[in-house]
């Protein structure tokens, strides 16, 4: 099942505008082990788009990369960074 199909199956596509980064942060706070799953997901991507990673300064980076755009935000808080990545990544997927 594709990620798009999964998001449709769980109903995210119909509530995406109602889901905030804070909502995702709260969920991650309750299940911090999921953060490592999202880090692995991001590392396994082999295409342009959103990414989430730990840099050499032990800060978390959330960014977007393609041929036309490269943006990056640095976070001290792992959960905050992950919530930002998840929101952006899922919303990007449902736009396609």
N, C-alpha and C. Protein backbone atom coordinates (compact mmCIF):
# COMPACT_ATOMS: atom_id res chain seq x y z
N UNK A 1 0.85 -1.17 0.00
CA UNK A 1 0.00 0.00 0.00
C UNK A 1 0.90 1.24 0.00
N UNK A 2 0.57 2.18 -0.84
CA UNK A 2 1.35 3.42 -0.88
C UNK A 2 1.02 4.28 0.34
N UNK A 3 1.89 5.21 0.63
CA UNK A 3 1.65 6.13 1.75
C UNK A 3 0.38 6.95 1.49
N UNK A 4 0.16 7.36 0.26
CA UNK A 4 -1.05 8.10 -0.08
C UNK A 4 -2.29 7.27 0.22
N UNK A 5 -2.28 6.01 -0.23
CA UNK A 5 -3.42 5.13 0.02
C UNK A 5 -3.63 4.89 1.51
N UNK A 6 -2.54 4.76 2.24
CA UNK A 6 -2.64 4.59 3.69
C UNK A 6 -3.26 5.81 4.35
N UNK A 7 -2.84 7.01 3.95
CA UNK A 7 -3.40 8.23 4.51
C UNK A 7 -4.89 8.36 4.21
N UNK A 8 -5.28 7.92 3.03
CA UNK A 8 -6.71 7.92 2.70
C UNK A 8 -7.45 6.89 3.56
N UNK A 9 -6.87 5.72 3.72
CA UNK A 9 -7.53 4.64 4.47
C UNK A 9 -7.76 5.01 5.94
N UNK A 10 -6.81 5.75 6.53
CA UNK A 10 -6.97 6.12 7.94
C UNK A 10 -7.74 7.42 8.12
N UNK A 11 -8.11 8.07 7.01
CA UNK A 11 -8.91 9.28 7.08
C UNK A 11 -8.14 10.58 7.21
N UNK A 12 -6.82 10.51 7.10
CA UNK A 12 -6.04 11.75 7.26
C UNK A 12 -6.37 12.79 6.19
N UNK A 13 -6.64 12.34 4.99
CA UNK A 13 -6.90 13.30 3.91
C UNK A 13 -8.11 14.18 4.20
N UNK A 14 -9.06 13.67 4.95
CA UNK A 14 -10.25 14.47 5.25
C UNK A 14 -10.09 15.36 6.49
N UNK A 15 -9.08 15.10 7.32
CA UNK A 15 -8.91 15.92 8.54
C UNK A 15 -7.57 16.65 8.57
N UNK A 16 -6.80 16.60 7.50
CA UNK A 16 -5.44 17.16 7.50
C UNK A 16 -5.39 18.61 7.97
N UNK A 17 -6.35 19.41 7.56
CA UNK A 17 -6.36 20.82 7.94
C UNK A 17 -6.62 21.01 9.43
N UNK A 18 -7.22 20.03 10.05
CA UNK A 18 -7.54 20.12 11.47
C UNK A 18 -6.41 19.59 12.35
N UNK A 19 -5.45 18.90 11.75
CA UNK A 19 -4.33 18.33 12.50
C UNK A 19 -3.18 19.34 12.50
N UNK A 20 -2.77 19.75 13.69
CA UNK A 20 -1.70 20.74 13.81
C UNK A 20 -0.38 20.07 14.22
N UNK A 21 0.69 20.82 14.10
CA UNK A 21 1.98 20.33 14.59
C UNK A 21 1.90 20.06 16.09
N UNK A 22 1.15 20.88 16.81
CA UNK A 22 0.99 20.66 18.26
C UNK A 22 0.29 19.34 18.54
N UNK A 23 -0.72 19.01 17.74
CA UNK A 23 -1.39 17.71 17.89
C UNK A 23 -0.40 16.57 17.71
N UNK A 24 0.43 16.70 16.70
CA UNK A 24 1.44 15.66 16.42
C UNK A 24 2.49 15.62 17.52
N UNK A 25 2.89 16.79 18.02
CA UNK A 25 3.84 16.85 19.13
C UNK A 25 3.27 16.11 20.35
N UNK A 26 2.01 16.37 20.65
CA UNK A 26 1.38 15.72 21.80
C UNK A 26 1.35 14.20 21.62
N UNK A 27 1.06 13.74 20.42
CA UNK A 27 1.05 12.30 20.15
C UNK A 27 2.45 11.72 20.29
N UNK A 28 3.44 12.43 19.79
CA UNK A 28 4.82 11.96 19.90
C UNK A 28 5.31 11.99 21.35
N UNK A 29 4.84 12.96 22.12
CA UNK A 29 5.20 13.03 23.53
C UNK A 29 4.71 11.77 24.26
N UNK A 30 3.53 11.30 23.86
CA UNK A 30 2.98 10.07 24.46
C UNK A 30 3.65 8.81 23.94
N UNK A 31 4.25 8.90 22.75
CA UNK A 31 4.89 7.75 22.10
C UNK A 31 6.22 8.17 21.50
N UNK A 32 7.21 8.54 22.32
CA UNK A 32 8.47 9.07 21.79
C UNK A 32 9.26 8.07 20.95
N UNK A 33 8.99 6.78 21.12
CA UNK A 33 9.68 5.78 20.31
C UNK A 33 9.34 5.92 18.82
N UNK A 34 8.22 6.56 18.49
CA UNK A 34 7.85 6.77 17.10
C UNK A 34 8.81 7.74 16.39
N UNK A 35 9.48 8.59 17.14
CA UNK A 35 10.39 9.56 16.52
C UNK A 35 11.49 8.83 15.74
N UNK A 36 12.03 7.79 16.31
CA UNK A 36 13.08 7.05 15.61
C UNK A 36 12.55 6.39 14.34
N UNK A 37 11.29 5.99 14.37
CA UNK A 37 10.67 5.43 13.16
C UNK A 37 10.60 6.49 12.05
N UNK A 38 10.26 7.71 12.42
CA UNK A 38 10.20 8.79 11.44
C UNK A 38 11.59 9.17 10.94
N UNK A 39 12.58 9.13 11.82
CA UNK A 39 13.96 9.39 11.38
C UNK A 39 14.38 8.34 10.34
N UNK A 40 14.07 7.08 10.61
CA UNK A 40 14.40 6.01 9.67
C UNK A 40 13.64 6.18 8.36
N UNK A 41 12.38 6.53 8.45
CA UNK A 41 11.58 6.77 7.25
C UNK A 41 12.23 7.85 6.39
N UNK A 42 12.62 8.94 7.03
CA UNK A 42 13.25 10.05 6.31
C UNK A 42 14.58 9.62 5.68
N UNK A 43 15.39 8.88 6.43
CA UNK A 43 16.67 8.43 5.92
C UNK A 43 16.52 7.47 4.74
N UNK A 44 15.44 6.71 4.73
CA UNK A 44 15.22 5.73 3.66
C UNK A 44 14.68 6.35 2.38
N UNK A 45 14.21 7.59 2.44
CA UNK A 45 13.69 8.23 1.24
C UNK A 45 14.83 8.44 0.25
N UNK A 46 14.55 8.21 -1.00
CA UNK A 46 15.57 8.38 -2.04
C UNK A 46 15.08 9.34 -3.12
N UNK A 47 14.38 10.39 -2.65
CA UNK A 47 13.84 11.33 -3.61
C UNK A 47 13.82 12.73 -2.98
N UNK A 48 13.56 13.70 -3.81
CA UNK A 48 13.44 15.07 -3.33
C UNK A 48 12.22 15.16 -2.42
N UNK A 49 12.21 16.16 -1.57
CA UNK A 49 11.07 16.38 -0.69
C UNK A 49 11.53 16.70 0.72
N UNK A 50 10.65 16.49 1.67
CA UNK A 50 10.93 16.79 3.07
C UNK A 50 11.87 15.75 3.68
N UNK A 51 12.71 16.21 4.59
CA UNK A 51 13.58 15.31 5.33
C UNK A 51 13.69 15.76 6.78
N UNK A 52 14.14 14.84 7.61
CA UNK A 52 14.29 15.02 9.06
C UNK A 52 15.53 14.25 9.45
N UNK A 53 16.50 14.95 10.05
CA UNK A 53 17.74 14.27 10.41
C UNK A 53 18.45 14.99 11.54
N UNK A 54 19.36 14.28 12.16
CA UNK A 54 20.22 14.82 13.21
C UNK A 54 21.50 15.32 12.54
N UNK A 55 21.92 16.54 12.87
CA UNK A 55 23.16 17.04 12.25
C UNK A 55 24.36 16.80 13.18
N UNK A 56 25.52 17.24 12.74
CA UNK A 56 26.75 17.02 13.49
C UNK A 56 26.80 17.78 14.82
N UNK A 57 25.94 18.78 14.97
CA UNK A 57 25.88 19.57 16.21
C UNK A 57 24.82 19.05 17.17
N UNK A 58 24.31 17.85 16.91
CA UNK A 58 23.24 17.25 17.71
C UNK A 58 21.98 18.10 17.75
N UNK A 59 21.72 18.75 16.64
CA UNK A 59 20.47 19.49 16.43
C UNK A 59 19.69 18.73 15.37
N UNK A 60 18.40 18.92 15.37
CA UNK A 60 17.54 18.24 14.40
C UNK A 60 17.18 19.20 13.27
N UNK A 61 17.31 18.70 12.07
CA UNK A 61 17.02 19.50 10.88
C UNK A 61 15.77 18.97 10.20
N UNK A 62 14.91 19.90 9.83
CA UNK A 62 13.76 19.60 9.00
C UNK A 62 13.91 20.49 7.79
N UNK A 63 13.91 19.88 6.63
CA UNK A 63 14.11 20.66 5.43
C UNK A 63 13.41 20.08 4.23
N UNK A 64 13.48 20.85 3.17
CA UNK A 64 12.91 20.45 1.90
C UNK A 64 13.97 20.65 0.85
N UNK A 65 14.14 19.64 0.01
CA UNK A 65 15.14 19.74 -1.04
C UNK A 65 14.58 19.25 -2.36
N UNK A 66 14.76 20.06 -3.38
CA UNK A 66 14.56 19.63 -4.76
C UNK A 66 15.43 20.55 -5.62
N UNK A 67 15.32 20.44 -6.92
CA UNK A 67 16.18 21.23 -7.80
C UNK A 67 15.91 22.72 -7.74
N UNK A 68 14.71 23.11 -7.33
CA UNK A 68 14.32 24.52 -7.31
C UNK A 68 14.31 25.15 -5.94
N UNK A 69 14.36 24.34 -4.90
CA UNK A 69 14.16 24.89 -3.56
C UNK A 69 14.93 24.07 -2.54
N UNK A 70 15.56 24.76 -1.63
CA UNK A 70 16.24 24.10 -0.52
C UNK A 70 16.05 24.97 0.72
N UNK A 71 15.22 24.49 1.64
CA UNK A 71 15.00 25.21 2.89
C UNK A 71 15.30 24.27 4.04
N UNK A 72 15.70 24.84 5.16
CA UNK A 72 16.06 24.00 6.30
C UNK A 72 15.85 24.79 7.58
N UNK A 73 15.28 24.13 8.59
CA UNK A 73 15.08 24.72 9.91
C UNK A 73 15.73 23.80 10.93
N UNK A 74 16.44 24.40 11.87
CA UNK A 74 17.13 23.64 12.91
C UNK A 74 16.33 23.71 14.20
N UNK A 75 16.24 22.56 14.87
CA UNK A 75 15.48 22.45 16.13
C UNK A 75 16.37 21.84 17.21
N UNK A 76 16.20 22.32 18.43
CA UNK A 76 16.85 21.69 19.58
C UNK A 76 16.03 20.50 20.07
N UNK A 77 14.72 20.62 19.95
CA UNK A 77 13.79 19.63 20.48
C UNK A 77 13.46 18.58 19.42
N UNK A 78 13.79 17.35 19.72
CA UNK A 78 13.58 16.22 18.80
C UNK A 78 12.10 16.04 18.47
N UNK A 79 11.24 16.13 19.47
CA UNK A 79 9.80 15.95 19.25
C UNK A 79 9.22 17.07 18.40
N UNK A 80 9.65 18.29 18.66
CA UNK A 80 9.17 19.43 17.88
C UNK A 80 9.59 19.29 16.42
N UNK A 81 10.83 18.89 16.21
CA UNK A 81 11.33 18.70 14.84
C UNK A 81 10.55 17.59 14.14
N UNK A 82 10.33 16.51 14.82
CA UNK A 82 9.61 15.39 14.24
C UNK A 82 8.18 15.79 13.89
N UNK A 83 7.51 16.49 14.77
CA UNK A 83 6.14 16.93 14.50
C UNK A 83 6.09 17.83 13.27
N UNK A 84 7.07 18.73 13.15
CA UNK A 84 7.13 19.61 11.98
C UNK A 84 7.34 18.79 10.71
N UNK A 85 8.24 17.83 10.76
CA UNK A 85 8.49 16.98 9.60
C UNK A 85 7.26 16.19 9.21
N UNK A 86 6.64 15.53 10.18
CA UNK A 86 5.48 14.68 9.89
C UNK A 86 4.36 15.50 9.24
N UNK A 87 4.06 16.66 9.79
CA UNK A 87 2.99 17.49 9.23
C UNK A 87 3.31 17.86 7.79
N UNK A 88 4.51 18.31 7.55
CA UNK A 88 4.89 18.73 6.19
C UNK A 88 4.91 17.55 5.22
N UNK A 89 5.47 16.44 5.67
CA UNK A 89 5.57 15.26 4.82
C UNK A 89 4.19 14.72 4.44
N UNK A 90 3.31 14.56 5.43
CA UNK A 90 1.99 14.02 5.14
C UNK A 90 1.18 14.96 4.25
N UNK A 91 1.27 16.24 4.52
CA UNK A 91 0.53 17.21 3.70
C UNK A 91 1.08 17.24 2.27
N UNK A 92 2.36 17.07 2.12
CA UNK A 92 2.95 17.01 0.77
C UNK A 92 2.46 15.77 0.02
N UNK A 93 2.38 14.67 0.71
CA UNK A 93 1.94 13.41 0.09
C UNK A 93 0.49 13.52 -0.40
N UNK A 94 -0.37 14.12 0.41
CA UNK A 94 -1.79 14.17 0.01
C UNK A 94 -2.03 15.21 -1.09
N UNK A 95 -1.09 16.11 -1.34
CA UNK A 95 -1.22 17.08 -2.43
C UNK A 95 -1.03 16.42 -3.80
N UNK A 96 -0.35 15.29 -3.82
CA UNK A 96 0.00 14.65 -5.09
C UNK A 96 -1.17 13.94 -5.71
